[in-house]
Amino acid sequence: EREITKDLVVEAAWVGNRGAWLQAPSLINLNALTPQRLSSFGLNINSTADQSLLTSTLSSSLAASRGFNKAPYPGFPLSSTVAQSLRPFPQFGSLTDQYAPVGRSWYNSLQSKVTKRFSGGFEASGAFTWQSQLASGVETGVNDVFNRQIDKYLASNSQPFALQMAVSYQVPGLGPNALLRRLGQGWTISEIGRYASGLPILSPASANKL
């Protein structure tokens, strides 16, 4: 903060915030098919042939030809996919940890403000913020529960630029009447305008057949 000239003040600050141990159940899937589990069945998620097998039903000829047409337990529907039958708990879909403290957030900003006081009760100010707001797991948009480092994205309420301008005028006591002067003085009339970047447009979630 520095006074440049009489009644002209300039302020600047760097503000940062780091959030850790935030609840992020979407970053954990206890019933996911990990690459290691697939490898134990002799399958590779990067193989096109194995991907076709995993998305096939147990009753399909492809599953039968490769020996993956057996139900994991009696009564398991043969209309389910091979991938579903290979899950750790095949009777369920995705299983998350309700209060998993693995979410994170990052906020960094340059905040500046200029204030000018004029004579006659006038005052004007302008504030500008340049910021970056990132999150991991605390909102929707998880790409890979096995690689949390890539699940870092712009927060849904992130606005990189924000400008706020304000003008105020303090009404003086007018007129010869003491009562009217007392009632009229001390009032402040203000106008505030805020202009900011739009919110991010989130990309649609990917379709995962596994």
C-alpha atoms as a PDB file:
ATOM      1  CA  GLU A   1       0.000   0.000   0.000  1.00  0.00           C
ATOM      2  CA  ARG A   2       1.383   3.409  -0.960  1.00  0.00           C
ATOM      3  CA  GLU A   3       0.121   6.978  -1.164  1.00  0.00           C
ATOM      4  CA  ILE A   4       1.221   8.217  -4.608  1.00  0.00           C
ATOM      5  CA  THR A   5      -0.023  11.781  -4.239  1.00  0.00           C
ATOM      6  CA  LYS A   6      -2.282  13.558  -1.794  1.00  0.00           C
ATOM      7  CA  ASP A   7      -5.535  11.569  -1.465  1.00  0.00           C
ATOM      8  CA  LEU A   8      -4.419   8.949  -4.040  1.00  0.00           C
ATOM      9  CA  VAL A   9      -3.665   5.504  -2.590  1.00  0.00           C
ATOM     10  CA  VAL A  10      -2.570   2.398  -4.500  1.00  0.00           C
ATOM     11  CA  GLU A  11      -2.730  -1.087  -2.979  1.00  0.00           C
ATOM     12  CA  ALA A  12      -1.453  -4.405  -4.317  1.00  0.00           C
ATOM     13  CA  ALA A  13      -1.335  -7.874  -2.773  1.00  0.00           C
ATOM     14  CA  TRP A  14      -0.712 -11.457  -3.768  1.00  0.00           C
ATOM     15  CA  VAL A  15      -3.253 -13.770  -2.157  1.00  0.00           C
ATOM     16  CA  GLY A  16      -2.866 -17.534  -2.168  1.00  0.00           C
ATOM     17  CA  ASN A  17      -4.824 -20.346  -0.590  1.00  0.00           C
ATOM     18  CA  ARG A  18      -4.280 -24.107  -0.609  1.00  0.00           C
ATOM     19  CA  GLY A  19      -6.997 -26.538   0.456  1.00  0.00           C
ATOM     20  CA  ALA A  20      -6.207 -30.110   1.484  1.00  0.00           C
ATOM     21  CA  TRP A  21      -8.052 -33.104   2.927  1.00  0.00           C
ATOM     22  CA  LEU A  22     -11.300 -32.007   1.300  1.00  0.00           C
ATOM     23  CA  GLN A  23     -14.085 -34.554   0.928  1.00  0.00           C
ATOM     24  CA  ALA A  24     -13.830 -36.068  -2.561  1.00  0.00           C
ATOM     25  CA  PRO A  25     -15.632 -39.439  -2.789  1.00  0.00           C
ATOM     26  CA  SER A  26     -15.475 -39.350  -6.599  1.00  0.00           C
ATOM     27  CA  LEU A  27     -11.679 -39.818  -6.482  1.00  0.00           C
ATOM     28  CA  ILE A  28     -12.052 -43.302  -5.020  1.00  0.00           C
ATOM     29  CA  ASN A  29     -13.763 -46.323  -6.588  1.00  0.00           C
ATOM     30  CA  LEU A  30     -13.449 -49.362  -4.350  1.00  0.00           C
ATOM     31  CA  ASN A  31     -15.035 -51.570  -7.012  1.00  0.00           C
ATOM     32  CA  ALA A  32     -12.966 -50.429  -9.981  1.00  0.00           C
ATOM     33  CA  LEU A  33     -11.159 -52.746 -12.355  1.00  0.00           C
ATOM     34  CA  THR A  34      -7.549 -51.786 -11.824  1.00  0.00           C
ATOM     35  CA  PRO A  35      -4.918 -52.595 -14.455  1.00  0.00           C
ATOM     36  CA  GLN A  36      -3.355 -54.961 -11.910  1.00  0.00           C
ATOM     37  CA  ARG A  37      -6.598 -56.870 -11.422  1.00  0.00           C
ATOM     38  CA  LEU A  38      -7.113 -57.172 -15.173  1.00  0.00           C
ATOM     39  CA  SER A  39      -3.544 -58.382 -15.515  1.00  0.00           C
ATOM     40  CA  SER A  40      -4.285 -61.181 -13.031  1.00  0.00           C
ATOM     41  CA  PHE A  41      -6.875 -62.461 -15.542  1.00  0.00           C
ATOM     42  CA  GLY A  42      -4.407 -62.164 -18.417  1.00  0.00           C
ATOM     43  CA  LEU A  43      -6.049 -59.024 -19.820  1.00  0.00           C
ATOM     44  CA  ASN A  44      -4.619 -55.657 -20.870  1.00  0.00           C
ATOM     45  CA  ILE A  45      -6.849 -52.592 -20.877  1.00  0.00           C
ATOM     46  CA  ASN A  46      -4.800 -51.117 -23.749  1.00  0.00           C
ATOM     47  CA  SER A  47      -5.529 -54.115 -25.987  1.00  0.00           C
ATOM     48  CA  THR A  48      -8.343 -53.536 -28.491  1.00  0.00           C
ATOM     49  CA  ALA A  49      -9.253 -57.222 -28.409  1.00  0.00           C
ATOM     50  CA  ASP A  50      -9.450 -57.230 -24.616  1.00  0.00           C
ATOM     51  CA  GLN A  51     -11.564 -54.064 -24.627  1.00  0.00           C
ATOM     52  CA  SER A  52     -14.061 -55.776 -26.937  1.00  0.00           C
ATOM     53  CA  LEU A  53     -14.114 -58.771 -24.627  1.00  0.00           C
ATOM     54  CA  LEU A  54     -14.690 -56.676 -21.509  1.00  0.00           C
ATOM     55  CA  THR A  55     -17.662 -54.878 -23.069  1.00  0.00           C
ATOM     56  CA  SER A  56     -19.227 -58.133 -24.295  1.00  0.00           C
ATOM     57  CA  THR A  57     -21.872 -59.971 -22.283  1.00  0.00           C
ATOM     58  CA  LEU A  58     -21.163 -63.268 -20.563  1.00  0.00           C
ATOM     59  CA  SER A  59     -23.618 -64.960 -22.923  1.00  0.00           C
ATOM     60  CA  SER A  60     -21.789 -63.764 -26.048  1.00  0.00           C
ATOM     61  CA  SER A  61     -19.813 -66.066 -28.305  1.00  0.00           C
ATOM     62  CA  LEU A  62     -16.713 -63.899 -27.806  1.00  0.00           C
ATOM     63  CA  ALA A  63     -16.804 -64.432 -24.044  1.00  0.00           C
ATOM     64  CA  ALA A  64     -17.298 -68.173 -24.551  1.00  0.00           C
ATOM     65  CA  SER A  65     -14.429 -68.433 -27.023  1.00  0.00           C
ATOM     66  CA  ARG A  66     -12.025 -66.912 -24.526  1.00  0.00           C
ATOM     67  CA  GLY A  67     -13.342 -68.688 -21.451  1.00  0.00           C
ATOM     68  CA  PHE A  68     -14.962 -65.675 -19.762  1.00  0.00           C
ATOM     69  CA  ASN A  69     -18.568 -66.881 -19.900  1.00  0.00           C
ATOM     70  CA  LYS A  70     -18.747 -68.179 -16.330  1.00  0.00           C
ATOM     71  CA  ALA A  71     -20.822 -66.320 -13.746  1.00  0.00           C
ATOM     72  CA  PRO A  72     -18.919 -65.216 -10.626  1.00  0.00           C
ATOM     73  CA  TYR A  73     -21.690 -66.619  -8.395  1.00  0.00           C
ATOM     74  CA  PRO A  74     -24.981 -68.498  -8.901  1.00  0.00           C
ATOM     75  CA  GLY A  75     -27.756 -66.240 -10.115  1.00  0.00           C
ATOM     76  CA  PHE A  76     -25.441 -63.613 -11.639  1.00  0.00           C
ATOM     77  CA  PRO A  77     -27.163 -62.383 -14.825  1.00  0.00           C
ATOM     78  CA  LEU A  78     -25.447 -63.586 -17.991  1.00  0.00           C
ATOM     79  CA  SER A  79     -26.609 -60.392 -19.697  1.00  0.00           C
ATOM     80  CA  SER A  80     -24.000 -58.467 -17.677  1.00  0.00           C
ATOM     81  CA  THR A  81     -20.661 -57.581 -19.219  1.00  0.00           C
ATOM     82  CA  VAL A  82     -17.467 -59.496 -18.695  1.00  0.00           C
ATOM     83  CA  ALA A  83     -16.040 -56.367 -17.049  1.00  0.00           C
ATOM     84  CA  GLN A  84     -18.841 -56.378 -14.468  1.00  0.00           C
ATOM     85  CA  SER A  85     -18.235 -60.036 -13.662  1.00  0.00           C
ATOM     86  CA  LEU A  86     -14.543 -59.337 -12.986  1.00  0.00           C
ATOM     87  CA  ARG A  87     -15.103 -56.516 -10.514  1.00  0.00           C
ATOM     88  CA  PRO A  88     -14.027 -57.196  -6.884  1.00  0.00           C
ATOM     89  CA  PHE A  89     -17.724 -57.034  -5.939  1.00  0.00           C
ATOM     90  CA  PRO A  90     -19.541 -57.981  -9.161  1.00  0.00           C
ATOM     91  CA  GLN A  91     -22.979 -57.562  -7.591  1.00  0.00           C
ATOM     92  CA  PHE A  92     -22.371 -53.788  -7.305  1.00  0.00           C
ATOM     93  CA  GLY A  93     -21.398 -50.933  -9.612  1.00  0.00           C
ATOM     94  CA  SER A  94     -19.053 -48.145  -8.525  1.00  0.00           C
ATOM     95  CA  LEU A  95     -18.403 -47.960  -4.769  1.00  0.00           C
ATOM     96  CA  THR A  96     -17.098 -44.676  -3.406  1.00  0.00           C
ATOM     97  CA  ASP A  97     -15.750 -43.684  -0.014  1.00  0.00           C
ATOM     98  CA  GLN A  98     -18.345 -41.273   1.351  1.00  0.00           C
ATOM     99  CA  TYR A  99     -15.972 -39.054   3.352  1.00  0.00           C
ATOM    100  CA  ALA A 100     -12.664 -39.642   1.560  1.00  0.00           C
ATOM    101  CA  PRO A 101     -10.385 -36.686   2.523  1.00  0.00           C
ATOM    102  CA  VAL A 102      -8.390 -36.726  -0.724  1.00  0.00           C
ATOM    103  CA  GLY A 103      -9.685 -33.580  -2.458  1.00  0.00           C
ATOM    104  CA  ARG A 104      -7.516 -30.509  -2.987  1.00  0.00           C
ATOM    105  CA  SER A 105      -7.888 -26.913  -4.144  1.00  0.00           C
ATOM    106  CA  TRP A 106      -5.553 -24.110  -5.228  1.00  0.00           C
ATOM    107  CA  TYR A 107      -6.219 -20.361  -5.341  1.00  0.00           C
ATOM    108  CA  ASN A 108      -3.739 -17.687  -6.374  1.00  0.00           C
ATOM    109  CA  SER A 109      -4.523 -14.079  -7.189  1.00  0.00           C
ATOM    110  CA  LEU A 110      -3.031 -10.658  -7.767  1.00  0.00           C
ATOM    111  CA  GLN A 111      -5.348  -8.103  -6.141  1.00  0.00           C
ATOM    112  CA  SER A 112      -4.910  -4.372  -6.760  1.00  0.00           C
ATOM    113  CA  LYS A 113      -6.902  -1.294  -5.791  1.00  0.00           C
ATOM    114  CA  VAL A 114      -6.713   2.443  -6.479  1.00  0.00           C
ATOM    115  CA  THR A 115      -8.577   4.954  -4.284  1.00  0.00           C
ATOM    116  CA  LYS A 116      -8.907   8.666  -4.981  1.00  0.00           C
ATOM    117  CA  ARG A 117     -10.570  11.137  -2.611  1.00  0.00           C
ATOM    118  CA  PHE A 118     -11.854  14.358  -4.122  1.00  0.00           C
ATOM    119  CA  SER A 119     -13.065  17.525  -2.449  1.00  0.00           C
ATOM    120  CA  GLY A 120     -16.721  17.997  -1.681  1.00  0.00           C
ATOM    121  CA  GLY A 121     -17.315  14.470  -0.338  1.00  0.00           C
ATOM    122  CA  PHE A 122     -16.561  12.592  -3.570  1.00  0.00           C
ATOM    123  CA  GLU A 123     -14.534   9.377  -3.577  1.00  0.00           C
ATOM    124  CA  ALA A 124     -13.754   6.953  -6.407  1.00  0.00           C
ATOM    125  CA  SER A 125     -12.063   3.564  -6.331  1.00  0.00           C
ATOM    126  CA  GLY A 126     -11.238   0.752  -8.715  1.00  0.00           C
ATOM    127  CA  ALA A 127     -10.187  -2.801  -7.868  1.00  0.00           C
ATOM    128  CA  PHE A 128      -8.806  -5.417 -10.256  1.00  0.00           C
ATOM    129  CA  THR A 129      -8.191  -9.091  -9.513  1.00  0.00           C
ATOM    130  CA  TRP A 130      -6.312 -11.563 -11.695  1.00  0.00           C
ATOM    131  CA  GLN A 131      -6.783 -15.047 -10.271  1.00  0.00           C
ATOM    132  CA  SER A 132      -6.497 -18.760 -10.875  1.00  0.00           C
ATOM    133  CA  GLN A 133      -8.727 -21.257  -9.061  1.00  0.00           C
ATOM    134  CA  LEU A 134      -8.136 -24.990  -9.456  1.00  0.00           C
ATOM    135  CA  ALA A 135      -9.663 -28.037  -7.796  1.00  0.00           C
ATOM    136  CA  SER A 136      -9.234 -31.784  -7.673  1.00  0.00           C
ATOM    137  CA  GLY A 137     -12.064 -34.120  -6.713  1.00  0.00           C
ATOM    138  CA  VAL A 138     -14.233 -31.561  -4.910  1.00  0.00           C
ATOM    139  CA  GLU A 139     -16.462 -31.108  -7.960  1.00  0.00           C
ATOM    140  CA  THR A 140     -17.513 -33.295 -10.862  1.00  0.00           C
ATOM    141  CA  GLY A 141     -14.996 -34.067 -13.584  1.00  0.00           C
ATOM    142  CA  VAL A 142     -12.853 -36.971 -12.396  1.00  0.00           C
ATOM    143  CA  ASN A 143     -10.939 -38.442 -15.327  1.00  0.00           C
ATOM    144  CA  ASP A 144      -9.021 -41.309 -13.771  1.00  0.00           C
ATOM    145  CA  VAL A 145      -9.367 -42.572 -10.188  1.00  0.00           C
ATOM    146  CA  PHE A 146      -6.045 -44.394 -10.625  1.00  0.00           C
ATOM    147  CA  ASN A 147      -4.132 -41.222 -11.500  1.00  0.00           C
ATOM    148  CA  ARG A 148      -5.265 -38.352  -9.304  1.00  0.00           C
ATOM    149  CA  GLN A 149      -2.526 -36.043 -10.564  1.00  0.00           C
ATOM    150  CA  ILE A 150      -4.399 -35.503 -13.838  1.00  0.00           C
ATOM    151  CA  ASP A 151      -7.688 -34.718 -12.049  1.00  0.00           C
ATOM    152  CA  LYS A 152      -6.734 -31.080 -11.539  1.00  0.00           C
ATOM    153  CA  TYR A 153      -8.974 -28.662 -13.366  1.00  0.00           C
ATOM    154  CA  LEU A 154     -10.463 -25.182 -13.350  1.00  0.00           C
ATOM    155  CA  ALA A 155     -13.038 -24.782 -10.602  1.00  0.00           C
ATOM    156  CA  SER A 156     -16.583 -24.223 -11.838  1.00  0.00           C
ATOM    157  CA  ASN A 157     -16.741 -20.764 -10.192  1.00  0.00           C
ATOM    158  CA  SER A 158     -13.322 -19.620 -11.433  1.00  0.00           C
ATOM    159  CA  GLN A 159     -13.270 -16.154 -13.009  1.00  0.00           C
ATOM    160  CA  PRO A 160      -9.731 -15.171 -14.139  1.00  0.00           C
ATOM    161  CA  PHE A 161     -10.396 -11.423 -14.329  1.00  0.00           C
ATOM    162  CA  ALA A 162     -12.618  -9.234 -12.174  1.00  0.00           C
ATOM    163  CA  LEU A 163     -12.906  -5.443 -12.202  1.00  0.00           C
ATOM    164  CA  GLN A 164     -14.916  -3.466  -9.662  1.00  0.00           C
ATOM    165  CA  MET A 165     -15.447   0.297  -9.784  1.00  0.00           C
ATOM    166  CA  ALA A 166     -17.184   2.400  -7.166  1.00  0.00           C
ATOM    167  CA  VAL A 167     -18.090   6.060  -6.733  1.00  0.00           C
ATOM    168  CA  SER A 168     -19.502   7.570  -3.532  1.00  0.00           C
ATOM    169  CA  TYR A 169     -20.678  10.984  -2.432  1.00  0.00           C
ATOM    170  CA  GLN A 170     -21.281  12.066   1.138  1.00  0.00           C
ATOM    171  CA  VAL A 171     -24.153  14.537   1.381  1.00  0.00           C
ATOM    172  CA  PRO A 172     -23.219  17.652   3.377  1.00  0.00           C
ATOM    173  CA  GLY A 173     -25.584  19.501   5.655  1.00  0.00           C
ATOM    174  CA  LEU A 174     -27.463  22.095   3.610  1.00  0.00           C
ATOM    175  CA  GLY A 175     -29.776  24.946   4.429  1.00  0.00           C
ATOM    176  CA  PRO A 176     -30.010  27.370   7.347  1.00  0.00           C
ATOM    177  CA  ASN A 177     -32.265  25.160   9.445  1.00  0.00           C
ATOM    178  CA  ALA A 178     -30.219  23.239  12.051  1.00  0.00           C
ATOM    179  CA  LEU A 179     -32.685  20.341  12.246  1.00  0.00           C
ATOM    180  CA  LEU A 180     -32.750  19.861   8.458  1.00  0.00           C
ATOM    181  CA  ARG A 181     -28.959  20.043   8.301  1.00  0.00           C
ATOM    182  CA  ARG A 182     -28.649  17.362  10.960  1.00  0.00           C
ATOM    183  CA  LEU A 183     -31.176  15.111   9.225  1.00  0.00           C
ATOM    184  CA  GLY A 184     -29.652  15.604   5.793  1.00  0.00           C
ATOM    185  CA  GLN A 185     -25.943  15.398   6.501  1.00  0.00           C
ATOM    186  CA  GLY A 186     -23.927  12.184   6.741  1.00  0.00           C
ATOM    187  CA  TRP A 187     -25.839  10.280   4.051  1.00  0.00           C
ATOM    188  CA  THR A 188     -23.716   8.492   1.452  1.00  0.00           C
ATOM    189  CA  ILE A 189     -24.810   7.836  -2.131  1.00  0.00           C
ATOM    190  CA  SER A 190     -22.837   5.087  -3.865  1.00  0.00           C
ATOM    191  CA  GLU A 191     -22.668   3.325  -7.223  1.00  0.00           C
ATOM    192  CA  ILE A 192     -20.808   0.056  -7.689  1.00  0.00           C
ATOM    193  CA  GLY A 193     -20.152  -1.707 -10.971  1.00  0.00           C
ATOM    194  CA  ARG A 194     -18.557  -5.149 -11.320  1.00  0.00           C
ATOM    195  CA  TYR A 195     -17.310  -6.714 -14.527  1.00  0.00           C
ATOM    196  CA  ALA A 196     -15.767 -10.193 -14.640  1.00  0.00           C
ATOM    197  CA  SER A 197     -14.853 -13.065 -16.914  1.00  0.00           C
ATOM    198  CA  GLY A 198     -17.526 -15.635 -17.584  1.00  0.00           C
ATOM    199  CA  LEU A 199     -17.620 -18.960 -15.747  1.00  0.00           C
ATOM    200  CA  PRO A 200     -15.878 -21.953 -17.368  1.00  0.00           C
ATOM    201  CA  ILE A 201     -17.891 -24.115 -19.742  1.00  0.00           C
ATOM    202  CA  LEU A 202     -17.385 -27.634 -18.428  1.00  0.00           C
ATOM    203  CA  SER A 203     -16.626 -30.347 -20.947  1.00  0.00           C
ATOM    204  CA  PRO A 204     -19.033 -33.314 -20.888  1.00  0.00           C
ATOM    205  CA  ALA A 205     -18.033 -36.419 -18.962  1.00  0.00           C
ATOM    206  CA  SER A 206     -16.621 -39.302 -20.985  1.00  0.00           C
ATOM    207  CA  ALA A 207     -18.612 -42.497 -21.490  1.00  0.00           C
ATOM    208  CA  ASN A 208     -16.867 -45.461 -19.892  1.00  0.00           C
ATOM    209  CA  LYS A 209     -18.345 -48.831 -20.749  1.00  0.00           C
ATOM    210  CA  LEU A 210     -16.197 -50.601 -18.175  1.00  0.00           C
END
